[in-house]
All heavy atoms as atom14 arrays in JSON, in Angstrom:
{
  "sequence": "GLGGHPRLGRNLSVHPATSVAGRFAEPVTAWE",
  "atom14_mask": [
    [1, 1, 1, 1, 0, 0, 0, 0, 0, 0, 0, 0, 0, 0],
    [1, 1, 1, 1, 1, 1, 1, 1, 0, 0, 0, 0, 0, 0],
    [1, 1, 1, 1, 0, 0, 0, 0, 0, 0, 0, 0, 0, 0],
    [1, 1, 1, 1, 0, 0, 0, 0, 0, 0, 0, 0, 0, 0],
    [1, 1, 1, 1, 1, 1, 1, 1, 1, 1, 0, 0, 0, 0],
    [1, 1, 1, 1, 1, 1, 1, 0, 0, 0, 0, 0, 0, 0],
    [1, 1, 1, 1, 1, 1, 1, 1, 1, 1, 1, 0, 0, 0],
    [1, 1, 1, 1, 1, 1, 1, 1, 0, 0, 0, 0, 0, 0],
    [1, 1, 1, 1, 0, 0, 0, 0, 0, 0, 0, 0, 0, 0],
    [1, 1, 1, 1, 1, 1, 1, 1, 1, 1, 1, 0, 0, 0],
    [1, 1, 1, 1, 1, 1, 1, 1, 0, 0, 0, 0, 0, 0],
    [1, 1, 1, 1, 1, 1, 1, 1, 0, 0, 0, 0, 0, 0],
    [1, 1, 1, 1, 1, 1, 0, 0, 0, 0, 0, 0, 0, 0],
    [1, 1, 1, 1, 1, 1, 1, 0, 0, 0, 0, 0, 0, 0],
    [1, 1, 1, 1, 1, 1, 1, 1, 1, 1, 0, 0, 0, 0],
    [1, 1, 1, 1, 1, 1, 1, 0, 0, 0, 0, 0, 0, 0],
    [1, 1, 1, 1, 1, 0, 0, 0, 0, 0, 0, 0, 0, 0],
    [1, 1, 1, 1, 1, 1, 1, 0, 0, 0, 0, 0, 0, 0],
    [1, 1, 1, 1, 1, 1, 0, 0, 0, 0, 0, 0, 0, 0],
    [1, 1, 1, 1, 1, 1, 1, 0, 0, 0, 0, 0, 0, 0],
    [1, 1, 1, 1, 1, 0, 0, 0, 0, 0, 0, 0, 0, 0],
    [1, 1, 1, 1, 0, 0, 0, 0, 0, 0, 0, 0, 0, 0],
    [1, 1, 1, 1, 1, 1, 1, 1, 1, 1, 1, 0, 0, 0],
    [1, 1, 1, 1, 1, 1, 1, 1, 1, 1, 1, 0, 0, 0],
    [1, 1, 1, 1, 1, 0, 0, 0, 0, 0, 0, 0, 0, 0],
    [1, 1, 1, 1, 1, 1, 1, 1, 1, 0, 0, 0, 0, 0],
    [1, 1, 1, 1, 1, 1, 1, 0, 0, 0, 0, 0, 0, 0],
    [1, 1, 1, 1, 1, 1, 1, 0, 0, 0, 0, 0, 0, 0],
    [1, 1, 1, 1, 1, 1, 1, 0, 0, 0, 0, 0, 0, 0],
    [1, 1, 1, 1, 1, 0, 0, 0, 0, 0, 0, 0, 0, 0],
    [1, 1, 1, 1, 1, 1, 1, 1, 1, 1, 1, 1, 1, 1],
    [1, 1, 1, 1, 1, 1, 1, 1, 1, 0, 0, 0, 0, 0]
  ],
  "atom14_positions": [
    [[-8.24, -16.32, -29.24], [-8.64, -14.92, -29.3], [-9.67, -14.54, -28.26], [-10.35, -13.52, -28.4], [0.0, 0.0, 0.0], [0.0, 0.0, 0.0], [0.0, 0.0, 0.0], [0.0, 0.0, 0.0], [0.0, 0.0, 0.0], [0.0, 0.0, 0.0], [0.0, 0.0, 0.0], [0.0, 0.0, 0.0], [0.0, 0.0, 0.0], [0.0, 0.0, 0.0]],
    [[-9.78, -15.36, -27.21], [-10.77, -15.13, -26.15], [-10.1, -14.81, -24.82], [-10.71, -14.97, -23.77], [-11.66, -16.37, -26.01], [-12.46, -16.76, -27.26], [-13.18, -18.09, -27.04], [-13.45, -15.68, -27.64], [0.0, 0.0, 0.0], [0.0, 0.0, 0.0], [0.0, 0.0, 0.0], [0.0, 0.0, 0.0], [0.0, 0.0, 0.0], [0.0, 0.0, 0.0]],
    [[-8.87, -14.37, -24.87], [-8.1, -14.14, -23.65], [-7.95, -12.7, -23.27], [-6.98, -12.33, -22.61], [0.0, 0.0, 0.0], [0.0, 0.0, 0.0], [0.0, 0.0, 0.0], [0.0, 0.0, 0.0], [0.0, 0.0, 0.0], [0.0, 0.0, 0.0], [0.0, 0.0, 0.0], [0.0, 0.0, 0.0], [0.0, 0.0, 0.0], [0.0, 0.0, 0.0]],
    [[-8.92, -11.87, -23.65], [-8.78, -10.44, -23.4], [-9.05, -9.98, -21.99], [-8.66, -8.88, -21.61], [0.0, 0.0, 0.0], [0.0, 0.0, 0.0], [0.0, 0.0, 0.0], [0.0, 0.0, 0.0], [0.0, 0.0, 0.0], [0.0, 0.0, 0.0], [0.0, 0.0, 0.0], [0.0, 0.0, 0.0], [0.0, 0.0, 0.0], [0.0, 0.0, 0.0]],
    [[-9.72, -10.79, -21.17], [-10.03, -10.35, -19.82], [-8.74, -10.21, -19.01], [-7.89, -11.12, -19.0], [-10.97, -11.34, -19.14], [-11.62, -10.78, -17.9], [-10.95, -10.66, -16.71], [-12.87, -10.3, -17.69], [-11.77, -10.14, -15.8], [-12.94, -9.91, -16.37], [0.0, 0.0, 0.0], [0.0, 0.0, 0.0], [0.0, 0.0, 0.0], [0.0, 0.0, 0.0]],
    [[-8.56, -9.08, -18.31], [-7.29, -8.86, -17.6], [-7.01, -9.86, -16.48], [-5.85, -10.01, -16.08], [-7.43, -7.43, -17.06], [-8.9, -7.18, -17.0], [-9.48, -7.93, -18.16], [0.0, 0.0, 0.0], [0.0, 0.0, 0.0], [0.0, 0.0, 0.0], [0.0, 0.0, 0.0], [0.0, 0.0, 0.0], [0.0, 0.0, 0.0], [0.0, 0.0, 0.0]],
    [[-8.02, -10.55, -15.99], [-7.81, -11.5, -14.89], [-7.69, -12.94, -15.39], [-7.51, -13.86, -14.58], [-8.97, -11.41, -13.89], [-9.08, -10.06, -13.2], [-7.92, -9.81, -12.26], [-7.86, -10.77, -11.18], [-6.83, -10.91, -10.34], [-5.75, -10.16, -10.51], [-6.86, -11.8, -9.38], [0.0, 0.0, 0.0], [0.0, 0.0, 0.0], [0.0, 0.0, 0.0]],
    [[-7.79, -13.16, -16.69], [-7.65, -14.51, -17.21], [-6.25, -15.04, -16.9], [-5.24, -14.39, -17.19], [-7.88, -14.54, -18.71], [-7.8, -15.94, -19.33], [-9.1, -16.69, -19.08], [-7.53, -15.87, -20.83], [0.0, 0.0, 0.0], [0.0, 0.0, 0.0], [0.0, 0.0, 0.0], [0.0, 0.0, 0.0], [0.0, 0.0, 0.0], [0.0, 0.0, 0.0]],
    [[-6.18, -16.21, -16.32], [-4.9, -16.83, -15.97], [-4.37, -16.43, -14.62], [-3.42, -17.05, -14.12], [0.0, 0.0, 0.0], [0.0, 0.0, 0.0], [0.0, 0.0, 0.0], [0.0, 0.0, 0.0], [0.0, 0.0, 0.0], [0.0, 0.0, 0.0], [0.0, 0.0, 0.0], [0.0, 0.0, 0.0], [0.0, 0.0, 0.0], [0.0, 0.0, 0.0]],
    [[-4.95, -15.4, -14.03], [-4.52, -14.98, -12.69], [-5.37, -15.7, -11.63], [-6.15, -16.57, -11.95], [-4.6, -13.46, -12.56], [-3.63, -12.74, -13.5], [-3.65, -11.24, -13.32], [-2.68, -10.59, -14.19], [-1.41, -10.36, -13.86], [-0.96, -10.72, -12.67], [-0.58, -9.78, -14.71], [0.0, 0.0, 0.0], [0.0, 0.0, 0.0], [0.0, 0.0, 0.0]],
    [[-5.14, -15.34, -10.36], [-5.97, -15.9, -9.28], [-5.72, -17.39, -9.05], [-6.58, -18.11, -8.55], [-7.46, -15.65, -9.6], [-8.38, -15.87, -8.41], [-8.16, -15.3, -7.34], [-9.39, -16.7, -8.59], [0.0, 0.0, 0.0], [0.0, 0.0, 0.0], [0.0, 0.0, 0.0], [0.0, 0.0, 0.0], [0.0, 0.0, 0.0], [0.0, 0.0, 0.0]],
    [[-4.53, -17.87, -9.39], [-4.24, -19.3, -9.28], [-3.99, -19.71, -7.83], [-3.1, -19.2, -7.17], [-3.0, -19.65, -10.12], [-2.45, -21.08, -10.0], [-3.46, -22.09, -10.53], [-1.11, -21.2, -10.75], [0.0, 0.0, 0.0], [0.0, 0.0, 0.0], [0.0, 0.0, 0.0], [0.0, 0.0, 0.0], [0.0, 0.0, 0.0], [0.0, 0.0, 0.0]],
    [[-4.81, -20.64, -7.35], [-4.59, -21.32, -6.06], [-4.11, -22.73, -6.34], [-4.55, -23.36, -7.31], [-5.87, -21.36, -5.23], [-6.16, -20.13, -4.63], [0.0, 0.0, 0.0], [0.0, 0.0, 0.0], [0.0, 0.0, 0.0], [0.0, 0.0, 0.0], [0.0, 0.0, 0.0], [0.0, 0.0, 0.0], [0.0, 0.0, 0.0], [0.0, 0.0, 0.0]],
    [[-3.24, -23.26, -5.45], [-2.66, -24.57, -5.75], [-2.53, -25.52, -4.55], [-1.95, -26.59, -4.7], [-1.26, -24.42, -6.39], [-1.34, -23.73, -7.73], [-0.3, -23.69, -5.46], [0.0, 0.0, 0.0], [0.0, 0.0, 0.0], [0.0, 0.0, 0.0], [0.0, 0.0, 0.0], [0.0, 0.0, 0.0], [0.0, 0.0, 0.0], [0.0, 0.0, 0.0]],
    [[-3.02, -25.18, -3.38], [-2.79, -26.03, -2.21], [-1.31, -26.38, -2.04], [-0.89, -27.53, -2.27], [-3.61, -27.31, -2.27], [-4.99, -27.18, -1.72], [-6.05, -27.97, -2.15], [-5.51, -26.36, -0.78], [-7.14, -27.64, -1.49], [-6.84, -26.67, -0.65], [0.0, 0.0, 0.0], [0.0, 0.0, 0.0], [0.0, 0.0, 0.0], [0.0, 0.0, 0.0]],
    [[-0.45, -25.42, -1.67], [0.95, -25.76, -1.39], [1.01, -26.87, -0.33], [0.22, -26.87, 0.63], [1.52, -24.45, -0.85], [0.59, -23.39, -1.33], [-0.75, -24.02, -1.39], [0.0, 0.0, 0.0], [0.0, 0.0, 0.0], [0.0, 0.0, 0.0], [0.0, 0.0, 0.0], [0.0, 0.0, 0.0], [0.0, 0.0, 0.0], [0.0, 0.0, 0.0]],
    [[1.94, -27.78, -0.5], [1.96, -28.97, 0.37], [3.39, -29.36, 0.7], [4.33, -29.12, -0.06], [1.25, -30.13, -0.32], [0.0, 0.0, 0.0], [0.0, 0.0, 0.0], [0.0, 0.0, 0.0], [0.0, 0.0, 0.0], [0.0, 0.0, 0.0], [0.0, 0.0, 0.0], [0.0, 0.0, 0.0], [0.0, 0.0, 0.0], [0.0, 0.0, 0.0]],
    [[3.53, -30.0, 1.86], [4.81, -30.56, 2.26], [4.56, -31.83, 3.05], [3.43, -32.1, 3.48], [5.63, -29.55, 3.08], [6.97, -30.03, 3.22], [5.03, -29.32, 4.47], [0.0, 0.0, 0.0], [0.0, 0.0, 0.0], [0.0, 0.0, 0.0], [0.0, 0.0, 0.0], [0.0, 0.0, 0.0], [0.0, 0.0, 0.0], [0.0, 0.0, 0.0]],
    [[5.6, -32.63, 3.22], [5.47, -33.93, 3.88], [6.51, -34.09, 4.97], [7.57, -33.46, 4.95], [5.64, -35.06, 2.86], [4.66, -35.01, 1.86], [0.0, 0.0, 0.0], [0.0, 0.0, 0.0], [0.0, 0.0, 0.0], [0.0, 0.0, 0.0], [0.0, 0.0, 0.0], [0.0, 0.0, 0.0], [0.0, 0.0, 0.0], [0.0, 0.0, 0.0]],
    [[6.19, -34.95, 5.92], [7.08, -35.3, 7.03], [6.98, -36.81, 7.23], [5.92, -37.41, 7.0], [6.67, -34.53, 8.31], [7.32, -35.12, 9.55], [7.02, -33.05, 8.19], [0.0, 0.0, 0.0], [0.0, 0.0, 0.0], [0.0, 0.0, 0.0], [0.0, 0.0, 0.0], [0.0, 0.0, 0.0], [0.0, 0.0, 0.0], [0.0, 0.0, 0.0]],
    [[8.06, -37.42, 7.66], [8.06, -38.86, 7.91], [8.51, -39.13, 9.34], [9.34, -38.4, 9.9], [8.97, -39.59, 6.93], [0.0, 0.0, 0.0], [0.0, 0.0, 0.0], [0.0, 0.0, 0.0], [0.0, 0.0, 0.0], [0.0, 0.0, 0.0], [0.0, 0.0, 0.0], [0.0, 0.0, 0.0], [0.0, 0.0, 0.0], [0.0, 0.0, 0.0]],
    [[7.99, -40.19, 9.91], [8.42, -40.62, 11.24], [8.99, -42.02, 11.17], [8.42, -42.91, 10.5], [0.0, 0.0, 0.0], [0.0, 0.0, 0.0], [0.0, 0.0, 0.0], [0.0, 0.0, 0.0], [0.0, 0.0, 0.0], [0.0, 0.0, 0.0], [0.0, 0.0, 0.0], [0.0, 0.0, 0.0], [0.0, 0.0, 0.0], [0.0, 0.0, 0.0]],
    [[10.12, -42.22, 11.84], [10.74, -43.55, 11.87], [10.29, -44.29, 13.12], [10.38, -43.77, 14.25], [12.26, -43.45, 11.85], [12.94, -44.82, 11.72], [14.46, -44.72, 11.77], [14.97, -43.73, 10.86], [15.07, -43.89, 9.54], [14.66, -45.02, 8.99], [15.56, -42.94, 8.78], [0.0, 0.0, 0.0], [0.0, 0.0, 0.0], [0.0, 0.0, 0.0]],
    [[9.84, -45.54, 12.93], [9.32, -46.35, 14.03], [10.21, -47.57, 14.24], [10.96, -47.98, 13.35], [7.88, -46.78, 13.74], [6.9, -45.63, 13.84], [6.78, -44.71, 12.8], [6.14, -45.45, 14.97], [5.91, -43.65, 12.9], [5.26, -44.39, 15.07], [5.13, -43.48, 14.04], [0.0, 0.0, 0.0], [0.0, 0.0, 0.0], [0.0, 0.0, 0.0]],
    [[10.11, -48.13, 15.44], [10.95, -49.29, 15.77], [10.56, -50.52, 14.98], [11.42, -51.32, 14.6], [10.85, -49.58, 17.28], [0.0, 0.0, 0.0], [0.0, 0.0, 0.0], [0.0, 0.0, 0.0], [0.0, 0.0, 0.0], [0.0, 0.0, 0.0], [0.0, 0.0, 0.0], [0.0, 0.0, 0.0], [0.0, 0.0, 0.0], [0.0, 0.0, 0.0]],
    [[9.28, -50.67, 14.71], [8.79, -51.84, 13.98], [8.43, -51.44, 12.55], [8.13, -50.28, 12.27], [7.56, -52.43, 14.69], [7.81, -52.89, 16.11], [8.85, -54.0, 16.17], [8.85, -54.84, 15.24], [9.64, -54.03, 17.13], [0.0, 0.0, 0.0], [0.0, 0.0, 0.0], [0.0, 0.0, 0.0], [0.0, 0.0, 0.0], [0.0, 0.0, 0.0]],
    [[8.42, -52.39, 11.64], [8.05, -52.07, 10.26], [6.65, -51.48, 10.15], [5.72, -51.93, 10.82], [8.15, -53.43, 9.54], [9.12, -54.22, 10.36], [8.88, -53.79, 11.77], [0.0, 0.0, 0.0], [0.0, 0.0, 0.0], [0.0, 0.0, 0.0], [0.0, 0.0, 0.0], [0.0, 0.0, 0.0], [0.0, 0.0, 0.0], [0.0, 0.0, 0.0]],
    [[6.52, -50.48, 9.33], [5.24, -49.85, 9.03], [4.75, -50.3, 7.65], [3.57, -50.56, 7.45], [5.36, -48.31, 9.05], [4.05, -47.65, 8.66], [5.84, -47.82, 10.41], [0.0, 0.0, 0.0], [0.0, 0.0, 0.0], [0.0, 0.0, 0.0], [0.0, 0.0, 0.0], [0.0, 0.0, 0.0], [0.0, 0.0, 0.0], [0.0, 0.0, 0.0]],
    [[5.68, -50.4, 6.72], [5.38, -50.76, 5.33], [4.19, -49.94, 4.85], [3.12, -50.45, 4.52], [5.12, -52.27, 5.17], [6.04, -53.0, 5.96], [5.26, -52.69, 3.72], [0.0, 0.0, 0.0], [0.0, 0.0, 0.0], [0.0, 0.0, 0.0], [0.0, 0.0, 0.0], [0.0, 0.0, 0.0], [0.0, 0.0, 0.0], [0.0, 0.0, 0.0]],
    [[4.4, -48.63, 4.8], [3.32, -47.69, 4.57], [2.63, -47.89, 3.23], [1.48, -47.48, 3.05], [3.86, -46.26, 4.67], [0.0, 0.0, 0.0], [0.0, 0.0, 0.0], [0.0, 0.0, 0.0], [0.0, 0.0, 0.0], [0.0, 0.0, 0.0], [0.0, 0.0, 0.0], [0.0, 0.0, 0.0], [0.0, 0.0, 0.0], [0.0, 0.0, 0.0]],
    [[3.33, -48.49, 2.27], [2.74, -48.67, 0.95], [1.83, -49.88, 0.88], [1.34, -50.22, -0.2], [3.84, -48.78, -0.11], [4.91, -49.79, 0.19], [4.88, -51.11, -0.12], [6.15, -49.55, 0.86], [6.03, -51.72, 0.32], [6.84, -50.78, 0.92], [6.75, -48.41, 1.4], [8.09, -50.91, 1.5], [7.99, -48.54, 1.98], [8.66, -49.77, 2.03]],
    [[1.57, -50.54, 1.99], [0.56, -51.59, 2.05], [-0.65, -51.04, 2.78], [-0.65, -50.9, 4.01], [1.11, -52.84, 2.76], [2.22, -53.52, 1.98], [2.76, -54.76, 2.69], [2.28, -55.06, 3.81], [3.66, -55.42, 2.13], [0.0, 0.0, 0.0], [0.0, 0.0, 0.0], [0.0, 0.0, 0.0], [0.0, 0.0, 0.0], [0.0, 0.0, 0.0]]
  ]
}
């Protein structure tokens, strides 16, 4: 019963993100 403010739940920022991979001639084994 404390959700009366009109901006409650709005104003959401989330750091949108994406990834790219590069293929190399030699092993990278990125998870090590």
